Structure formats: structure tokens, C-alpha cells
Amino acid sequence: MTFAETDIKTFCADLASKQATPGGGGASALAAALGAALCSMAGSLTVGKPKFAEYESELGEILDEAGALREKLVALIDGDAQAFEPLSRAYSLPKDAPSRDEELERCLRLAADAPMQVLRCACDGIELHRRLSDKCSALVISDVATGAVMCWGAMYGAAVNVRVNTRLMKDREYADRLDREVDELMQKYWKIAEATYEKVWSKLS
């Protein structure tokens, strides 16, 4: 059974245990998946309401995108764990093994790729919540804000799990390219997440 298929209680116990996986990358994927699920819920409870008829087409698009995003993120819970295992084995190679550096570099790229995907998905989730924040029922506006901050937190978790791998890469050109993308996404989307949350907060004040 995969981590994504386990019940919540078991997953949390696995996360709390001494085993290396699941870890921060998988937890970030789960947080973003929950954010995407809240986006779907808020959209589903809004679509079809006469008051929001003008947004029917866009609401349908948001629901489709949120559903696909949730599925991708759930898959990344296990994808992150699977990417870490080869790296763990590579670190156990004798330091004088001829292929050790090459194998480490390959595994570092794999280990950075999964959280990089989670980061991109979390940013996509933030954008979906931004789009939905003015187009949903007042009954679920707090869920939009919650979903946005779930993706926001996932974004930070994923970013640090990219960086922990890029800092050790020998190929600095490749590592710097990933680091620049992380920085650009972080700079853009934390502002969107905060603005979306604050917009909802102001409506409730």
C-alpha cells in the first residue's frame, strides 16, 4: 500500500516515526492536495447558483484544474518518497567508490525534482484560489482562504526541500537554475496567497 492510500492516522504515524519517508516533501504535497480539495469543494458548492451564473464557465474550468491538481499532488506524496530512497542508498556507497559522485549527482536531481513539482503545483493552487475568491458563495469563502494558506505553507515546505538538495549538487549551473525558479515562484506567489487570505479576512471583519 502506498502512503497516499493509507488512512490519515497511519500516515501521520508514519510521518512521526524514525523512518526517513514520508518526510517534508510528502507532507508538503499532502498540504497542497488538501488546498486543492478545498478549492474544489468551494467551487462545487457555488456552481449552479443563479447569483454566480456569469461565472459558470470559469467555475467549471477552476473545478477541472483543481481536480487534476489534487490528483497530481496525491501522486507526489509517494513520488517524493520514491525519489529519496535512491539518494539514501547513494550516500551509503563507499566514499572511494569510482561512481559515487556521479550517482549522488543523479540522485540529488531526482530528490530535488519531486518537491520542485510540488512547489509548482502549490503555486498553481494559490492562483486557483485567487480566481475563486471573488466568484464563490459567501458560505464557503473561509474555505477558499484556508485552501490558499494550505498551498502557501506547502510552497514553503517544498521550496526548502528543493534547496536541501541543490546546495549539494556539483553541477552549479543546473542547481542555480532550479534555485532561481524557486526564488521567482516564492516571490510571486506568497504575495498572491497573502492577498487572497487578507481579502477574505477583510470581508469577515
N, C-alpha and C. Protein backbone atom coordinates (compact mmCIF):
# COMPACT_ATOMS: atom_id res chain seq x y z
N MET A 1 0.86 -1.20 0.00
CA MET A 1 0.00 0.00 0.00
C MET A 1 0.89 1.24 0.00
N THR A 2 0.52 2.23 -0.81
CA THR A 2 1.30 3.46 -0.89
C THR A 2 0.93 4.39 0.26
N PHE A 3 1.77 5.40 0.48
CA PHE A 3 1.45 6.39 1.52
C PHE A 3 0.13 7.09 1.21
N ALA A 4 -0.09 7.37 -0.07
CA ALA A 4 -1.31 8.09 -0.46
C ALA A 4 -2.57 7.27 -0.21
N GLU A 5 -2.41 5.95 -0.13
CA GLU A 5 -3.56 5.07 0.07
C GLU A 5 -3.81 4.75 1.54
N THR A 6 -2.90 5.14 2.41
CA THR A 6 -3.09 4.85 3.83
C THR A 6 -4.11 5.81 4.43
N ASP A 7 -4.67 5.42 5.56
CA ASP A 7 -5.60 6.33 6.25
C ASP A 7 -4.81 7.45 6.92
N ILE A 8 -5.50 8.50 7.30
CA ILE A 8 -4.86 9.70 7.86
C ILE A 8 -4.08 9.35 9.13
N LYS A 9 -4.66 8.53 9.99
CA LYS A 9 -4.00 8.18 11.25
C LYS A 9 -2.68 7.46 10.99
N THR A 10 -2.68 6.53 10.05
CA THR A 10 -1.46 5.77 9.73
C THR A 10 -0.41 6.67 9.09
N PHE A 11 -0.86 7.52 8.17
CA PHE A 11 0.09 8.42 7.51
C PHE A 11 0.77 9.32 8.54
N CYS A 12 0.01 9.86 9.45
CA CYS A 12 0.59 10.75 10.48
C CYS A 12 1.55 9.97 11.38
N ALA A 13 1.21 8.73 11.68
CA ALA A 13 2.11 7.91 12.49
C ALA A 13 3.40 7.63 11.74
N ASP A 14 3.29 7.35 10.45
CA ASP A 14 4.49 7.12 9.62
C ASP A 14 5.33 8.39 9.56
N LEU A 15 4.68 9.51 9.43
CA LEU A 15 5.38 10.79 9.35
C LEU A 15 6.10 11.08 10.67
N ALA A 16 5.51 10.67 11.78
CA ALA A 16 6.09 10.93 13.10
C ALA A 16 7.18 9.93 13.48
N SER A 17 7.31 8.86 12.73
CA SER A 17 8.24 7.79 13.10
C SER A 17 9.68 8.12 12.74
N LYS A 18 10.59 7.20 13.05
CA LYS A 18 12.01 7.39 12.75
C LYS A 18 12.36 7.05 11.31
N GLN A 19 11.40 6.52 10.56
CA GLN A 19 11.69 6.18 9.16
C GLN A 19 11.84 7.46 8.34
N ALA A 20 12.66 7.38 7.30
CA ALA A 20 13.01 8.58 6.53
C ALA A 20 11.87 9.11 5.67
N THR A 21 10.98 8.22 5.28
CA THR A 21 9.85 8.64 4.45
C THR A 21 8.55 8.12 5.07
N PRO A 22 7.45 8.88 4.93
CA PRO A 22 7.34 10.19 4.29
C PRO A 22 8.05 11.27 5.11
N GLY A 23 8.38 12.35 4.43
CA GLY A 23 9.05 13.47 5.09
C GLY A 23 8.43 14.79 4.70
N GLY A 24 9.25 15.83 4.75
CA GLY A 24 8.74 17.17 4.49
C GLY A 24 8.17 17.36 3.09
N GLY A 25 8.79 16.71 2.11
CA GLY A 25 8.29 16.84 0.75
C GLY A 25 6.91 16.22 0.59
N GLY A 26 6.74 15.02 1.15
CA GLY A 26 5.44 14.36 1.08
C GLY A 26 4.38 15.11 1.87
N ALA A 27 4.76 15.63 3.04
CA ALA A 27 3.82 16.42 3.84
C ALA A 27 3.39 17.67 3.09
N SER A 28 4.33 18.29 2.38
CA SER A 28 4.01 19.48 1.60
C SER A 28 3.05 19.14 0.46
N ALA A 29 3.28 17.98 -0.17
CA ALA A 29 2.38 17.55 -1.24
C ALA A 29 0.97 17.32 -0.71
N LEU A 30 0.88 16.72 0.48
CA LEU A 30 -0.43 16.49 1.09
C LEU A 30 -1.11 17.81 1.42
N ALA A 31 -0.36 18.75 2.00
CA ALA A 31 -0.95 20.05 2.35
C ALA A 31 -1.50 20.75 1.11
N ALA A 32 -0.74 20.72 0.02
CA ALA A 32 -1.21 21.37 -1.21
C ALA A 32 -2.40 20.62 -1.81
N ALA A 33 -2.40 19.28 -1.68
CA ALA A 33 -3.54 18.50 -2.16
C ALA A 33 -4.81 18.85 -1.38
N LEU A 34 -4.66 19.05 -0.07
CA LEU A 34 -5.81 19.47 0.74
C LEU A 34 -6.29 20.86 0.31
N GLY A 35 -5.33 21.73 0.00
CA GLY A 35 -5.71 23.05 -0.50
C GLY A 35 -6.49 22.95 -1.79
N ALA A 36 -6.02 22.11 -2.72
CA ALA A 36 -6.73 21.93 -3.99
C ALA A 36 -8.11 21.34 -3.77
N ALA A 37 -8.23 20.43 -2.79
CA ALA A 37 -9.52 19.82 -2.48
C ALA A 37 -10.51 20.86 -1.95
N LEU A 38 -10.02 21.79 -1.13
CA LEU A 38 -10.88 22.86 -0.63
C LEU A 38 -11.33 23.77 -1.76
N CYS A 39 -10.46 24.00 -2.72
CA CYS A 39 -10.84 24.78 -3.89
C CYS A 39 -11.97 24.09 -4.64
N SER A 40 -11.85 22.78 -4.80
CA SER A 40 -12.91 22.01 -5.47
C SER A 40 -14.21 22.08 -4.70
N MET A 41 -14.13 21.96 -3.37
CA MET A 41 -15.33 22.00 -2.56
C MET A 41 -16.04 23.34 -2.69
N ALA A 42 -15.27 24.43 -2.58
CA ALA A 42 -15.86 25.76 -2.66
C ALA A 42 -16.47 26.00 -4.04
N GLY A 43 -15.78 25.53 -5.07
CA GLY A 43 -16.32 25.69 -6.42
C GLY A 43 -17.57 24.87 -6.63
N SER A 44 -17.57 23.63 -6.12
CA SER A 44 -18.71 22.74 -6.29
C SER A 44 -19.96 23.27 -5.59
N LEU A 45 -19.76 23.94 -4.45
CA LEU A 45 -20.90 24.49 -3.71
C LEU A 45 -21.35 25.85 -4.25
N THR A 46 -20.66 26.34 -5.26
CA THR A 46 -21.02 27.62 -5.87
C THR A 46 -21.63 27.43 -7.26
N VAL A 47 -21.06 26.50 -8.03
CA VAL A 47 -21.51 26.30 -9.40
C VAL A 47 -23.00 25.91 -9.41
N GLY A 48 -23.72 26.49 -10.35
CA GLY A 48 -25.15 26.22 -10.46
C GLY A 48 -26.03 27.21 -9.73
N LYS A 49 -25.44 28.05 -8.88
CA LYS A 49 -26.23 29.05 -8.16
C LYS A 49 -26.52 30.24 -9.09
N PRO A 50 -27.77 30.68 -9.18
CA PRO A 50 -28.13 31.78 -10.09
C PRO A 50 -27.30 33.04 -9.88
N LYS A 51 -26.95 33.33 -8.64
CA LYS A 51 -26.18 34.54 -8.34
C LYS A 51 -24.82 34.55 -9.03
N PHE A 52 -24.29 33.36 -9.32
CA PHE A 52 -22.96 33.26 -9.92
C PHE A 52 -23.01 32.71 -11.34
N ALA A 53 -24.16 32.86 -11.98
CA ALA A 53 -24.35 32.31 -13.33
C ALA A 53 -23.33 32.87 -14.32
N GLU A 54 -22.95 34.13 -14.17
CA GLU A 54 -22.00 34.73 -15.12
C GLU A 54 -20.61 34.10 -15.04
N TYR A 55 -20.34 33.42 -13.93
CA TYR A 55 -19.03 32.79 -13.75
C TYR A 55 -19.07 31.29 -14.01
N GLU A 56 -20.19 30.79 -14.51
CA GLU A 56 -20.37 29.35 -14.65
C GLU A 56 -19.23 28.68 -15.44
N SER A 57 -18.86 29.30 -16.54
CA SER A 57 -17.81 28.72 -17.38
C SER A 57 -16.47 28.68 -16.66
N GLU A 58 -16.11 29.81 -16.02
CA GLU A 58 -14.83 29.85 -15.32
C GLU A 58 -14.84 28.92 -14.11
N LEU A 59 -15.97 28.83 -13.43
CA LEU A 59 -16.05 27.92 -12.29
C LEU A 59 -15.81 26.48 -12.73
N GLY A 60 -16.34 26.15 -13.91
CA GLY A 60 -16.11 24.81 -14.44
C GLY A 60 -14.64 24.56 -14.72
N GLU A 61 -13.98 25.58 -15.26
CA GLU A 61 -12.53 25.47 -15.53
C GLU A 61 -11.75 25.29 -14.23
N ILE A 62 -12.12 26.09 -13.22
CA ILE A 62 -11.43 26.00 -11.92
C ILE A 62 -11.61 24.62 -11.31
N LEU A 63 -12.81 24.08 -11.40
CA LEU A 63 -13.07 22.75 -10.85
C LEU A 63 -12.24 21.68 -11.57
N ASP A 64 -12.18 21.78 -12.89
CA ASP A 64 -11.38 20.81 -13.66
C ASP A 64 -9.90 20.90 -13.27
N GLU A 65 -9.39 22.12 -13.19
CA GLU A 65 -7.97 22.31 -12.87
C GLU A 65 -7.66 21.88 -11.44
N ALA A 66 -8.56 22.20 -10.52
CA ALA A 66 -8.33 21.83 -9.12
C ALA A 66 -8.35 20.31 -8.94
N GLY A 67 -9.24 19.63 -9.66
CA GLY A 67 -9.31 18.18 -9.57
C GLY A 67 -8.04 17.52 -10.10
N ALA A 68 -7.56 18.01 -11.23
CA ALA A 68 -6.32 17.46 -11.81
C ALA A 68 -5.13 17.75 -10.91
N LEU A 69 -5.13 18.93 -10.32
CA LEU A 69 -4.04 19.32 -9.43
C LEU A 69 -4.01 18.44 -8.19
N ARG A 70 -5.18 18.19 -7.63
CA ARG A 70 -5.25 17.33 -6.44
C ARG A 70 -4.70 15.94 -6.73
N GLU A 71 -5.07 15.37 -7.87
CA GLU A 71 -4.60 14.04 -8.23
C GLU A 71 -3.08 14.01 -8.40
N LYS A 72 -2.54 15.04 -9.03
CA LYS A 72 -1.09 15.10 -9.24
C LYS A 72 -0.37 15.21 -7.90
N LEU A 73 -0.90 16.02 -7.01
CA LEU A 73 -0.26 16.21 -5.70
C LEU A 73 -0.33 14.95 -4.85
N VAL A 74 -1.43 14.25 -4.90
CA VAL A 74 -1.54 12.99 -4.15
C VAL A 74 -0.50 12.00 -4.65
N ALA A 75 -0.31 11.94 -5.96
CA ALA A 75 0.72 11.06 -6.53
C ALA A 75 2.12 11.48 -6.08
N LEU A 76 2.32 12.77 -5.89
CA LEU A 76 3.63 13.28 -5.49
C LEU A 76 3.97 12.95 -4.02
N ILE A 77 2.98 12.60 -3.22
CA ILE A 77 3.28 12.16 -1.85
C ILE A 77 4.20 10.94 -1.92
N ASP A 78 3.86 10.00 -2.77
CA ASP A 78 4.70 8.82 -2.94
C ASP A 78 5.88 9.10 -3.85
N GLY A 79 5.68 10.00 -4.82
CA GLY A 79 6.77 10.36 -5.72
C GLY A 79 7.96 10.93 -4.97
N ASP A 80 7.68 11.72 -3.95
CA ASP A 80 8.76 12.30 -3.15
C ASP A 80 9.50 11.22 -2.37
N ALA A 81 8.75 10.27 -1.79
CA ALA A 81 9.38 9.18 -1.04
C ALA A 81 10.23 8.31 -1.96
N GLN A 82 9.70 8.02 -3.14
CA GLN A 82 10.43 7.17 -4.08
C GLN A 82 11.70 7.85 -4.58
N ALA A 83 11.68 9.17 -4.69
CA ALA A 83 12.85 9.91 -5.14
C ALA A 83 13.93 9.96 -4.06
N PHE A 84 13.53 9.89 -2.80
CA PHE A 84 14.50 9.98 -1.72
C PHE A 84 15.27 8.67 -1.53
N GLU A 85 14.62 7.56 -1.78
CA GLU A 85 15.24 6.25 -1.50
C GLU A 85 16.56 6.03 -2.26
N PRO A 86 16.64 6.34 -3.57
CA PRO A 86 17.93 6.17 -4.25
C PRO A 86 19.02 7.07 -3.68
N LEU A 87 18.64 8.26 -3.24
CA LEU A 87 19.63 9.17 -2.65
C LEU A 87 20.17 8.60 -1.35
N SER A 88 19.30 8.02 -0.55
CA SER A 88 19.72 7.40 0.69
C SER A 88 20.72 6.28 0.43
N ARG A 89 20.45 5.49 -0.60
CA ARG A 89 21.38 4.40 -0.96
C ARG A 89 22.70 4.95 -1.48
N ALA A 90 22.64 6.04 -2.25
CA ALA A 90 23.86 6.63 -2.81
C ALA A 90 24.78 7.13 -1.71
N TYR A 91 24.21 7.69 -0.66
CA TYR A 91 25.02 8.18 0.46
C TYR A 91 25.75 7.03 1.18
N SER A 92 25.19 5.83 1.08
CA SER A 92 25.80 4.69 1.76
C SER A 92 26.93 4.05 0.95
N LEU A 93 27.13 4.51 -0.29
CA LEU A 93 28.24 3.98 -1.10
C LEU A 93 29.57 4.37 -0.47
N PRO A 94 30.57 3.51 -0.57
CA PRO A 94 31.90 3.86 -0.03
C PRO A 94 32.41 5.16 -0.66
N LYS A 95 33.04 5.99 0.13
CA LYS A 95 33.49 7.29 -0.36
C LYS A 95 34.52 7.19 -1.48
N ASP A 96 35.18 6.06 -1.56
CA ASP A 96 36.17 5.90 -2.62
C ASP A 96 35.63 5.13 -3.83
N ALA A 97 34.31 4.86 -3.83
CA ALA A 97 33.70 4.18 -4.98
C ALA A 97 33.81 5.08 -6.21
N PRO A 98 34.29 4.56 -7.35
CA PRO A 98 34.50 5.39 -8.54
C PRO A 98 33.25 6.11 -9.03
N SER A 99 32.09 5.47 -8.87
CA SER A 99 30.86 6.05 -9.42
C SER A 99 30.07 6.85 -8.38
N ARG A 100 30.61 7.01 -7.16
CA ARG A 100 29.83 7.62 -6.08
C ARG A 100 29.38 9.04 -6.42
N ASP A 101 30.30 9.89 -6.89
CA ASP A 101 29.94 11.28 -7.17
C ASP A 101 28.89 11.38 -8.27
N GLU A 102 29.06 10.57 -9.30
CA GLU A 102 28.10 10.58 -10.40
C GLU A 102 26.73 10.11 -9.95
N GLU A 103 26.71 9.06 -9.14
CA GLU A 103 25.44 8.53 -8.64
C GLU A 103 24.78 9.51 -7.68
N LEU A 104 25.55 10.15 -6.83
CA LEU A 104 25.00 11.17 -5.93
C LEU A 104 24.36 12.31 -6.71
N GLU A 105 25.04 12.76 -7.74
CA GLU A 105 24.52 13.87 -8.53
C GLU A 105 23.19 13.50 -9.19
N ARG A 106 23.14 12.29 -9.73
CA ARG A 106 21.90 11.82 -10.36
C ARG A 106 20.77 11.76 -9.34
N CYS A 107 21.08 11.23 -8.18
CA CYS A 107 20.05 11.07 -7.14
C CYS A 107 19.63 12.41 -6.54
N LEU A 108 20.55 13.35 -6.44
CA LEU A 108 20.20 14.69 -5.95
C LEU A 108 19.22 15.36 -6.90
N ARG A 109 19.42 15.16 -8.18
CA ARG A 109 18.48 15.73 -9.15
C ARG A 109 17.09 15.12 -8.98
N LEU A 110 17.05 13.80 -8.82
CA LEU A 110 15.76 13.13 -8.60
C LEU A 110 15.10 13.63 -7.33
N ALA A 111 15.88 13.76 -6.27
CA ALA A 111 15.33 14.17 -4.97
C ALA A 111 14.84 15.61 -4.99
N ALA A 112 15.45 16.45 -5.84
CA ALA A 112 15.01 17.84 -5.95
C ALA A 112 13.79 17.99 -6.86
N ASP A 113 13.65 17.07 -7.79
CA ASP A 113 12.58 17.19 -8.78
C ASP A 113 11.18 17.08 -8.17
N ALA A 114 11.00 16.11 -7.25
CA ALA A 114 9.66 15.91 -6.67
C ALA A 114 9.18 17.15 -5.90
N PRO A 115 9.97 17.71 -4.97
CA PRO A 115 9.49 18.92 -4.29
C PRO A 115 9.38 20.12 -5.23
N MET A 116 10.18 20.13 -6.31
CA MET A 116 10.04 21.20 -7.29
C MET A 116 8.67 21.13 -7.96
N GLN A 117 8.24 19.91 -8.25
CA GLN A 117 6.90 19.73 -8.81
C GLN A 117 5.83 20.14 -7.81
N VAL A 118 6.05 19.79 -6.54
CA VAL A 118 5.09 20.18 -5.50
C VAL A 118 5.01 21.70 -5.41
N LEU A 119 6.15 22.37 -5.48
CA LEU A 119 6.17 23.84 -5.42
C LEU A 119 5.37 24.44 -6.57
N ARG A 120 5.60 23.95 -7.77
CA ARG A 120 4.87 24.48 -8.93
C ARG A 120 3.37 24.25 -8.77
N CYS A 121 3.01 23.05 -8.30
CA CYS A 121 1.59 22.74 -8.10
C CYS A 121 0.98 23.62 -7.00
N ALA A 122 1.71 23.84 -5.92
CA ALA A 122 1.20 24.70 -4.84
C ALA A 122 0.94 26.11 -5.36
N CYS A 123 1.82 26.59 -6.21
CA CYS A 123 1.63 27.93 -6.80
C CYS A 123 0.40 27.95 -7.70
N ASP A 124 0.21 26.88 -8.46
CA ASP A 124 -0.99 26.77 -9.29
C ASP A 124 -2.24 26.77 -8.41
N GLY A 125 -2.16 26.09 -7.27
CA GLY A 125 -3.29 26.07 -6.35
C GLY A 125 -3.59 27.45 -5.78
N ILE A 126 -2.57 28.20 -5.47
CA ILE A 126 -2.76 29.56 -4.97
C ILE A 126 -3.46 30.41 -6.03
N GLU A 127 -3.05 30.26 -7.27
CA GLU A 127 -3.69 31.01 -8.35
C GLU A 127 -5.16 30.64 -8.51
N LEU A 128 -5.49 29.37 -8.36
CA LEU A 128 -6.88 28.95 -8.45
C LEU A 128 -7.72 29.57 -7.34
N HIS A 129 -7.17 29.62 -6.13
CA HIS A 129 -7.90 30.25 -5.02
C HIS A 129 -8.07 31.75 -5.25
N ARG A 130 -7.07 32.37 -5.85
CA ARG A 130 -7.20 33.80 -6.18
C ARG A 130 -8.37 34.01 -7.13
N ARG A 131 -8.44 33.18 -8.16
CA ARG A 131 -9.51 33.30 -9.14
C ARG A 131 -10.89 33.05 -8.52
N LEU A 132 -10.93 32.12 -7.58
CA LEU A 132 -12.21 31.73 -6.98
C LEU A 132 -12.68 32.71 -5.92
N SER A 133 -11.78 33.47 -5.34
CA SER A 133 -12.11 34.28 -4.16
C SER A 133 -13.21 35.32 -4.42
N ASP A 134 -13.38 35.76 -5.65
CA ASP A 134 -14.45 36.73 -5.97
C ASP A 134 -15.63 36.08 -6.68
N LYS A 135 -15.61 34.77 -6.78
CA LYS A 135 -16.62 34.09 -7.60
C LYS A 135 -17.28 32.93 -6.86
N CYS A 136 -17.28 32.97 -5.54
CA CYS A 136 -17.86 31.84 -4.82
C CYS A 136 -18.84 32.31 -3.75
N SER A 137 -19.63 31.37 -3.32
CA SER A 137 -20.64 31.63 -2.30
C SER A 137 -19.99 32.11 -1.00
N ALA A 138 -20.67 33.03 -0.32
CA ALA A 138 -20.17 33.53 0.96
C ALA A 138 -20.09 32.41 2.00
N LEU A 139 -20.84 31.35 1.79
CA LEU A 139 -20.85 30.23 2.74
C LEU A 139 -19.53 29.47 2.75
N VAL A 140 -18.76 29.59 1.66
CA VAL A 140 -17.51 28.82 1.56
C VAL A 140 -16.28 29.72 1.40
N ILE A 141 -16.44 31.01 1.61
CA ILE A 141 -15.32 31.93 1.42
C ILE A 141 -14.18 31.63 2.40
N SER A 142 -14.51 31.19 3.60
CA SER A 142 -13.46 30.84 4.56
C SER A 142 -12.67 29.62 4.10
N ASP A 143 -13.32 28.74 3.35
CA ASP A 143 -12.63 27.56 2.83
C ASP A 143 -11.66 27.94 1.71
N VAL A 144 -11.99 28.97 0.96
CA VAL A 144 -11.07 29.47 -0.05
C VAL A 144 -9.82 30.02 0.61
N ALA A 145 -10.00 30.80 1.67
CA ALA A 145 -8.85 31.34 2.40
C ALA A 145 -8.02 30.22 3.02
N THR A 146 -8.69 29.21 3.58
CA THR A 146 -7.97 28.09 4.17
C THR A 146 -7.19 27.33 3.10
N GLY A 147 -7.82 27.10 1.97
CA GLY A 147 -7.13 26.41 0.88
C GLY A 147 -5.93 27.17 0.38
N ALA A 148 -6.05 28.48 0.31
CA ALA A 148 -4.94 29.31 -0.14
C ALA A 148 -3.75 29.20 0.81
N VAL A 149 -4.01 29.22 2.12
CA VAL A 149 -2.89 29.15 3.06
C VAL A 149 -2.32 27.73 3.17
N MET A 150 -3.13 26.71 2.88
CA MET A 150 -2.60 25.36 2.81
C MET A 150 -1.57 25.26 1.68
N CYS A 151 -1.91 25.82 0.54
CA CYS A 151 -0.99 25.84 -0.59
C CYS A 151 0.21 26.74 -0.30
N TRP A 152 -0.03 27.81 0.41
CA TRP A 152 1.04 28.74 0.80
C TRP A 152 2.08 28.04 1.67
N GLY A 153 1.60 27.34 2.69
CA GLY A 153 2.51 26.59 3.54
C GLY A 153 3.24 25.50 2.78
N ALA A 154 2.52 24.81 1.88
CA ALA A 154 3.14 23.77 1.07
C ALA A 154 4.23 24.34 0.19
N MET A 155 4.03 25.54 -0.28
CA MET A 155 5.02 26.21 -1.13
C MET A 155 6.34 26.37 -0.39
N TYR A 156 6.28 26.82 0.85
CA TYR A 156 7.49 27.00 1.65
C TYR A 156 8.15 25.66 1.97
N GLY A 157 7.34 24.66 2.30
CA GLY A 157 7.89 23.35 2.60
C GLY A 157 8.57 22.73 1.40
N ALA A 158 7.94 22.85 0.23
CA ALA A 158 8.53 22.30 -0.98
C ALA A 158 9.82 23.02 -1.34
N ALA A 159 9.82 24.34 -1.21
CA ALA A 159 11.00 25.14 -1.58
C ALA A 159 12.23 24.74 -0.78
N VAL A 160 12.07 24.56 0.51
CA VAL A 160 13.23 24.21 1.34
C VAL A 160 13.71 22.79 1.03
N ASN A 161 12.80 21.94 0.57
CA ASN A 161 13.20 20.58 0.21
C ASN A 161 13.86 20.52 -1.17
N VAL A 162 13.67 21.52 -1.99
CA VAL A 162 14.46 21.65 -3.21
C VAL A 162 15.87 22.10 -2.84
N ARG A 163 15.93 23.14 -2.03
CA ARG A 163 17.21 23.75 -1.66
C ARG A 163 18.14 22.79 -0.92
N VAL A 164 17.60 21.91 -0.12
CA VAL A 164 18.44 20.99 0.64
C VAL A 164 19.20 20.05 -0.29
N ASN A 165 18.68 19.89 -1.50
CA ASN A 165 19.35 19.05 -2.49
C ASN A 165 20.23 19.86 -3.45
N THR A 166 19.77 21.01 -3.88
CA THR A 166 20.56 21.79 -4.84
C THR A 166 21.87 22.28 -4.22
N ARG A 167 21.89 22.50 -2.92
CA ARG A 167 23.11 23.01 -2.28
C ARG A 167 24.27 22.02 -2.35
N LEU A 168 23.95 20.73 -2.55
CA LEU A 168 24.97 19.69 -2.59
C LEU A 168 25.37 19.28 -4.00
N MET A 169 24.70 19.84 -5.00
CA MET A 169 24.99 19.44 -6.38
C MET A 169 26.32 20.00 -6.86
N LYS A 170 27.03 19.19 -7.63
CA LYS A 170 28.29 19.62 -8.22
C LYS A 170 28.03 20.50 -9.45
N ASP A 171 26.98 20.17 -10.18
CA ASP A 171 26.61 20.95 -11.37
C ASP A 171 25.92 22.23 -10.91
N ARG A 172 26.69 23.28 -10.70
CA ARG A 172 26.15 24.51 -10.15
C ARG A 172 25.25 25.24 -11.13
N GLU A 173 25.49 25.06 -12.42
CA GLU A 173 24.62 25.70 -13.41
C GLU A 173 23.20 25.15 -13.29
N TYR A 174 23.09 23.84 -13.19
CA TYR A 174 21.78 23.20 -13.03
C TYR A 174 21.15 23.59 -11.69
N ALA A 175 21.94 23.55 -10.62
CA ALA A 175 21.44 23.89 -9.29
C ALA A 175 20.98 25.34 -9.23
N ASP A 176 21.76 26.24 -9.82
CA ASP A 176 21.41 27.66 -9.79
C ASP A 176 20.13 27.93 -10.58
N ARG A 177 19.94 27.17 -11.65
CA ARG A 177 18.71 27.34 -12.44
C ARG A 177 17.48 26.96 -11.63
N LEU A 178 17.59 25.84 -10.91
CA LEU A 178 16.47 25.45 -10.03
C LEU A 178 16.25 26.47 -8.92
N ASP A 179 17.34 26.93 -8.31
CA ASP A 179 17.24 27.90 -7.22
C ASP A 179 16.59 29.20 -7.70
N ARG A 180 16.92 29.62 -8.92
CA ARG A 180 16.30 30.84 -9.45
C ARG A 180 14.81 30.66 -9.64
N GLU A 181 14.41 29.49 -10.14
CA GLU A 181 12.98 29.24 -10.32
C GLU A 181 12.27 29.24 -8.97
N VAL A 182 12.89 28.61 -7.98
CA VAL A 182 12.31 28.62 -6.63
C VAL A 182 12.12 30.05 -6.14
N ASP A 183 13.14 30.86 -6.27
CA ASP A 183 13.08 32.25 -5.80
C ASP A 183 11.98 33.03 -6.52
N GLU A 184 11.90 32.85 -7.84
CA GLU A 184 10.89 33.58 -8.62
C GLU A 184 9.47 33.18 -8.22
N LEU A 185 9.25 31.88 -8.06
CA LEU A 185 7.92 31.42 -7.66
C LEU A 185 7.56 31.89 -6.26
N MET A 186 8.52 31.82 -5.35
CA MET A 186 8.27 32.25 -3.97
C MET A 186 7.93 33.73 -3.91
N GLN A 187 8.69 34.54 -4.62
CA GLN A 187 8.48 35.99 -4.61
C GLN A 187 7.12 36.37 -5.17
N LYS A 188 6.69 35.64 -6.20
CA LYS A 188 5.41 35.97 -6.83
C LYS A 188 4.21 35.47 -6.02
N TYR A 189 4.28 34.21 -5.60
CA TYR A 189 3.06 33.59 -5.10
C TYR A 189 2.80 33.77 -3.61
N TRP A 190 3.82 34.11 -2.81
CA TRP A 190 3.47 34.39 -1.41
C TRP A 190 2.62 35.64 -1.34
N LYS A 191 2.87 36.58 -2.26
CA LYS A 191 2.09 37.82 -2.28
C LYS A 191 0.65 37.54 -2.69
N ILE A 192 0.47 36.65 -3.67
CA ILE A 192 -0.88 36.32 -4.12
C ILE A 192 -1.63 35.57 -3.01
N ALA A 193 -0.95 34.65 -2.34
CA ALA A 193 -1.58 33.90 -1.25
C ALA A 193 -1.99 34.84 -0.12
N GLU A 194 -1.09 35.71 0.26
CA GLU A 194 -1.39 36.65 1.35
C GLU A 194 -2.53 37.58 0.97
N ALA A 195 -2.51 38.08 -0.25
CA ALA A 195 -3.56 38.99 -0.70
C ALA A 195 -4.93 38.29 -0.72
N THR A 196 -4.94 37.03 -1.15
CA THR A 196 -6.19 36.26 -1.18
C THR A 196 -6.73 36.05 0.22
N TYR A 197 -5.84 35.68 1.14
CA TYR A 197 -6.25 35.48 2.53
C TYR A 197 -6.75 36.79 3.15
N GLU A 198 -6.01 37.87 2.93
CA GLU A 198 -6.40 39.16 3.50
C GLU A 198 -7.72 39.66 2.94
N LYS A 199 -7.97 39.37 1.67
CA LYS A 199 -9.24 39.78 1.05
C LYS A 199 -10.40 39.12 1.78
N VAL A 200 -10.26 37.81 2.04
CA VAL A 200 -11.31 37.10 2.75
C VAL A 200 -11.40 37.61 4.20
N TRP A 201 -10.26 37.77 4.84
CA TRP A 201 -10.26 38.23 6.24
C TRP A 201 -10.99 39.57 6.37
N SER A 202 -10.76 40.46 5.42
CA SER A 202 -11.39 41.78 5.48
C SER A 202 -12.91 41.70 5.33
N LYS A 203 -13.35 40.72 4.57
CA LYS A 203 -14.79 40.53 4.41
C LYS A 203 -15.45 40.04 5.68
N LEU A 204 -14.66 39.39 6.52
CA LEU A 204 -15.20 38.82 7.75
C LEU A 204 -14.97 39.69 8.96
N SER A 205 -14.32 40.82 8.78
CA SER A 205 -14.00 41.71 9.91
C SER A 205 -15.12 42.70 10.15
